[in-house]
């Protein structure tokens, strides 16, 4: 069982590394936000960069919450089997 878990963890790590290496730049913006950010950047502002970062943080938050809850559940389930 332990050997199987190590294989899955290694495979998952490899997939994550490959996705990071071969991913392209992603900018998650709606068309109106994009237009507003572009006009701000053209006029010398820096609001567009902050807007992109904020959107990506909001995108990551649900995954972090679910991942944390899943890890806690997995750890407690593992302890109860012992």
N, C-alpha and C. Protein backbone atom coordinates (compact mmCIF):
# COMPACT_ATOMS: atom_id res chain seq x y z
N UNK A 1 0.83 -1.20 0.00
CA UNK A 1 0.00 0.00 0.00
C UNK A 1 0.87 1.26 0.00
N UNK A 2 1.95 1.24 0.79
CA UNK A 2 2.83 2.40 0.87
C UNK A 2 3.53 2.64 -0.47
N UNK A 3 3.95 1.57 -1.13
CA UNK A 3 4.62 1.69 -2.41
C UNK A 3 3.69 2.29 -3.46
N UNK A 4 2.42 1.91 -3.43
CA UNK A 4 1.44 2.43 -4.37
C UNK A 4 1.21 3.93 -4.15
N UNK A 5 1.18 4.36 -2.88
CA UNK A 5 1.00 5.77 -2.56
C UNK A 5 2.18 6.58 -3.05
N UNK A 6 3.37 6.06 -2.90
CA UNK A 6 4.57 6.76 -3.36
C UNK A 6 4.54 6.91 -4.87
N UNK A 7 4.09 5.87 -5.58
CA UNK A 7 4.00 5.96 -7.04
C UNK A 7 3.00 7.04 -7.47
N UNK A 8 1.85 7.09 -6.81
CA UNK A 8 0.84 8.10 -7.15
C UNK A 8 1.35 9.50 -6.84
N UNK A 9 2.02 9.67 -5.71
CA UNK A 9 2.55 10.98 -5.34
C UNK A 9 3.62 11.42 -6.35
N UNK A 10 4.47 10.49 -6.77
CA UNK A 10 5.50 10.82 -7.76
C UNK A 10 4.87 11.20 -9.08
N UNK A 11 3.87 10.46 -9.51
CA UNK A 11 3.18 10.76 -10.76
C UNK A 11 2.50 12.13 -10.69
N UNK A 12 1.84 12.40 -9.58
CA UNK A 12 1.18 13.69 -9.40
C UNK A 12 2.19 14.83 -9.43
N UNK A 13 3.32 14.65 -8.75
CA UNK A 13 4.36 15.67 -8.75
C UNK A 13 4.90 15.91 -10.15
N UNK A 14 5.11 14.84 -10.91
CA UNK A 14 5.60 14.97 -12.28
C UNK A 14 4.60 15.72 -13.15
N UNK A 15 3.33 15.42 -13.01
CA UNK A 15 2.29 16.11 -13.80
C UNK A 15 2.26 17.60 -13.45
N UNK A 16 2.36 17.93 -12.16
CA UNK A 16 2.34 19.33 -11.76
C UNK A 16 3.56 20.07 -12.33
N UNK A 17 4.72 19.45 -12.24
CA UNK A 17 5.94 20.08 -12.77
C UNK A 17 5.82 20.30 -14.28
N UNK A 18 5.30 19.32 -15.00
CA UNK A 18 5.14 19.46 -16.44
C UNK A 18 4.14 20.55 -16.79
N UNK A 19 3.06 20.64 -16.04
CA UNK A 19 2.07 21.69 -16.30
C UNK A 19 2.66 23.07 -16.05
N UNK A 20 3.47 23.20 -15.01
CA UNK A 20 4.09 24.49 -14.72
C UNK A 20 5.09 24.87 -15.80
N UNK A 21 5.88 23.89 -16.24
CA UNK A 21 6.91 24.17 -17.24
C UNK A 21 6.30 24.55 -18.58
N UNK A 22 5.29 23.82 -19.01
CA UNK A 22 4.73 24.02 -20.34
C UNK A 22 3.50 24.92 -20.39
N UNK A 23 3.15 25.54 -19.28
CA UNK A 23 1.98 26.42 -19.29
C UNK A 23 2.34 27.77 -19.92
N UNK A 24 1.35 28.39 -20.47
CA UNK A 24 1.54 29.73 -21.03
C UNK A 24 1.06 30.75 -20.01
N UNK A 25 1.39 31.99 -20.25
CA UNK A 25 0.91 33.03 -19.34
C UNK A 25 -0.60 33.11 -19.44
N UNK A 26 -1.24 33.13 -18.29
CA UNK A 26 -2.70 33.19 -18.25
C UNK A 26 -3.11 34.48 -17.57
N UNK A 27 -4.04 35.16 -18.15
CA UNK A 27 -4.60 36.35 -17.55
C UNK A 27 -6.10 36.19 -17.52
N UNK A 28 -6.62 36.00 -16.32
CA UNK A 28 -8.05 35.74 -16.15
C UNK A 28 -8.78 37.07 -15.96
N UNK A 29 -9.32 37.60 -17.04
CA UNK A 29 -10.05 38.85 -16.95
C UNK A 29 -11.28 38.80 -17.84
N UNK A 30 -12.31 39.45 -17.36
CA UNK A 30 -13.47 39.63 -18.22
C UNK A 30 -13.15 40.75 -19.22
N UNK A 31 -13.87 40.85 -20.30
CA UNK A 31 -13.56 41.87 -21.31
C UNK A 31 -13.60 43.31 -20.78
N UNK A 32 -14.55 43.61 -19.89
CA UNK A 32 -14.63 44.98 -19.38
C UNK A 32 -13.45 45.29 -18.46
N UNK A 33 -13.08 44.32 -17.63
CA UNK A 33 -11.92 44.53 -16.74
C UNK A 33 -10.65 44.68 -17.57
N UNK A 34 -10.54 43.88 -18.61
CA UNK A 34 -9.36 43.94 -19.47
C UNK A 34 -9.25 45.31 -20.15
N UNK A 35 -10.36 45.80 -20.66
CA UNK A 35 -10.36 47.09 -21.33
C UNK A 35 -10.00 48.21 -20.36
N UNK A 36 -10.53 48.14 -19.16
CA UNK A 36 -10.22 49.15 -18.14
C UNK A 36 -8.75 49.09 -17.76
N UNK A 37 -8.21 47.89 -17.59
CA UNK A 37 -6.80 47.74 -17.22
C UNK A 37 -5.88 48.21 -18.34
N UNK A 38 -6.24 47.90 -19.58
CA UNK A 38 -5.41 48.33 -20.71
C UNK A 38 -5.39 49.85 -20.84
N UNK A 39 -6.54 50.48 -20.67
CA UNK A 39 -6.57 51.94 -20.77
C UNK A 39 -5.79 52.57 -19.63
N UNK A 40 -5.82 51.95 -18.45
CA UNK A 40 -5.04 52.46 -17.33
C UNK A 40 -3.55 52.31 -17.60
N UNK A 41 -3.14 51.19 -18.16
CA UNK A 41 -1.73 50.98 -18.47
C UNK A 41 -1.24 51.94 -19.55
N UNK A 42 -2.09 52.21 -20.54
CA UNK A 42 -1.71 53.15 -21.61
C UNK A 42 -1.49 54.55 -21.07
N UNK A 43 -2.23 54.89 -20.01
CA UNK A 43 -2.10 56.23 -19.43
C UNK A 43 -1.04 56.28 -18.34
N UNK A 44 -0.22 55.23 -18.22
CA UNK A 44 0.87 55.24 -17.25
C UNK A 44 0.55 54.66 -15.90
N UNK A 45 -0.62 54.09 -15.73
CA UNK A 45 -0.99 53.51 -14.44
C UNK A 45 -0.50 52.07 -14.29
N UNK A 46 -0.62 51.53 -13.09
CA UNK A 46 -0.20 50.15 -12.84
C UNK A 46 -1.34 49.31 -12.28
N UNK A 47 -2.56 49.76 -12.42
CA UNK A 47 -3.70 49.04 -11.85
C UNK A 47 -3.92 47.69 -12.52
N UNK A 48 -3.53 47.56 -13.77
CA UNK A 48 -3.75 46.30 -14.49
C UNK A 48 -2.99 45.14 -13.90
N UNK A 49 -1.77 45.38 -13.47
CA UNK A 49 -0.96 44.31 -12.88
C UNK A 49 -1.57 43.83 -11.57
N UNK A 50 -2.02 44.76 -10.76
CA UNK A 50 -2.66 44.40 -9.50
C UNK A 50 -3.98 43.68 -9.71
N UNK A 51 -4.72 44.09 -10.73
CA UNK A 51 -5.99 43.45 -11.04
C UNK A 51 -5.77 42.00 -11.44
N UNK A 52 -4.76 41.73 -12.26
CA UNK A 52 -4.45 40.36 -12.66
C UNK A 52 -4.08 39.51 -11.46
N UNK A 53 -3.25 40.03 -10.58
CA UNK A 53 -2.84 39.27 -9.40
C UNK A 53 -4.05 38.99 -8.50
N UNK A 54 -4.92 39.96 -8.32
CA UNK A 54 -6.10 39.77 -7.48
C UNK A 54 -7.04 38.71 -8.03
N UNK A 55 -7.21 38.70 -9.33
CA UNK A 55 -8.08 37.70 -9.95
C UNK A 55 -7.50 36.31 -9.77
N UNK A 56 -6.19 36.17 -9.93
CA UNK A 56 -5.57 34.86 -9.76
C UNK A 56 -5.62 34.40 -8.32
N UNK A 57 -5.51 35.31 -7.35
CA UNK A 57 -5.67 34.93 -5.94
C UNK A 57 -7.08 34.44 -5.68
N UNK A 58 -8.07 35.14 -6.22
CA UNK A 58 -9.46 34.71 -6.02
C UNK A 58 -9.72 33.36 -6.67
N UNK A 59 -9.05 33.09 -7.77
CA UNK A 59 -9.19 31.81 -8.45
C UNK A 59 -8.60 30.68 -7.62
N UNK A 60 -7.49 30.93 -6.94
CA UNK A 60 -6.79 29.89 -6.18
C UNK A 60 -7.44 29.59 -4.83
N UNK A 61 -8.16 30.53 -4.26
CA UNK A 61 -8.70 30.37 -2.91
C UNK A 61 -9.60 29.15 -2.74
N UNK A 62 -10.59 28.90 -3.60
CA UNK A 62 -11.43 27.72 -3.40
C UNK A 62 -10.64 26.41 -3.47
N UNK A 63 -9.65 26.36 -4.34
CA UNK A 63 -8.84 25.15 -4.44
C UNK A 63 -8.01 24.93 -3.18
N UNK A 64 -7.50 26.00 -2.61
CA UNK A 64 -6.74 25.88 -1.36
C UNK A 64 -7.63 25.43 -0.21
N UNK A 65 -8.84 25.94 -0.14
CA UNK A 65 -9.76 25.55 0.93
C UNK A 65 -10.13 24.08 0.80
N UNK A 66 -10.52 23.65 -0.39
CA UNK A 66 -10.90 22.26 -0.61
C UNK A 66 -9.70 21.35 -0.39
N UNK A 67 -8.52 21.74 -0.85
CA UNK A 67 -7.33 20.94 -0.65
C UNK A 67 -6.98 20.79 0.82
N UNK A 68 -7.11 21.86 1.58
CA UNK A 68 -6.84 21.80 3.02
C UNK A 68 -7.83 20.89 3.73
N UNK A 69 -9.10 21.04 3.41
CA UNK A 69 -10.11 20.16 4.02
C UNK A 69 -9.88 18.70 3.64
N UNK A 70 -9.52 18.45 2.40
CA UNK A 70 -9.22 17.08 1.96
C UNK A 70 -8.02 16.51 2.68
N UNK A 71 -6.98 17.32 2.89
CA UNK A 71 -5.80 16.85 3.60
C UNK A 71 -6.13 16.53 5.05
N UNK A 72 -6.91 17.40 5.71
CA UNK A 72 -7.30 17.14 7.09
C UNK A 72 -8.12 15.86 7.18
N UNK A 73 -9.06 15.67 6.25
CA UNK A 73 -9.86 14.46 6.24
C UNK A 73 -8.98 13.23 6.05
N UNK A 74 -8.05 13.30 5.09
CA UNK A 74 -7.16 12.18 4.81
C UNK A 74 -6.29 11.85 6.01
N UNK A 75 -5.75 12.87 6.68
CA UNK A 75 -4.89 12.65 7.85
C UNK A 75 -5.67 12.02 8.99
N UNK A 76 -6.91 12.50 9.24
CA UNK A 76 -7.72 11.93 10.31
C UNK A 76 -8.15 10.51 9.98
N UNK A 77 -8.44 10.24 8.73
CA UNK A 77 -8.83 8.88 8.33
C UNK A 77 -7.65 7.93 8.48
N UNK A 78 -6.47 8.41 8.15
CA UNK A 78 -5.26 7.61 8.27
C UNK A 78 -4.98 7.28 9.74
N UNK A 79 -5.19 8.25 10.64
CA UNK A 79 -4.98 8.02 12.07
C UNK A 79 -5.99 7.03 12.64
N UNK A 80 -7.22 7.08 12.16
CA UNK A 80 -8.25 6.19 12.69
C UNK A 80 -8.04 4.73 12.28
N UNK A 81 -7.32 4.50 11.18
CA UNK A 81 -7.04 3.13 10.74
C UNK A 81 -5.96 2.47 11.57
N UNK A 82 -5.10 3.27 12.18
CA UNK A 82 -3.98 2.71 12.94
C UNK A 82 -4.39 2.20 14.27
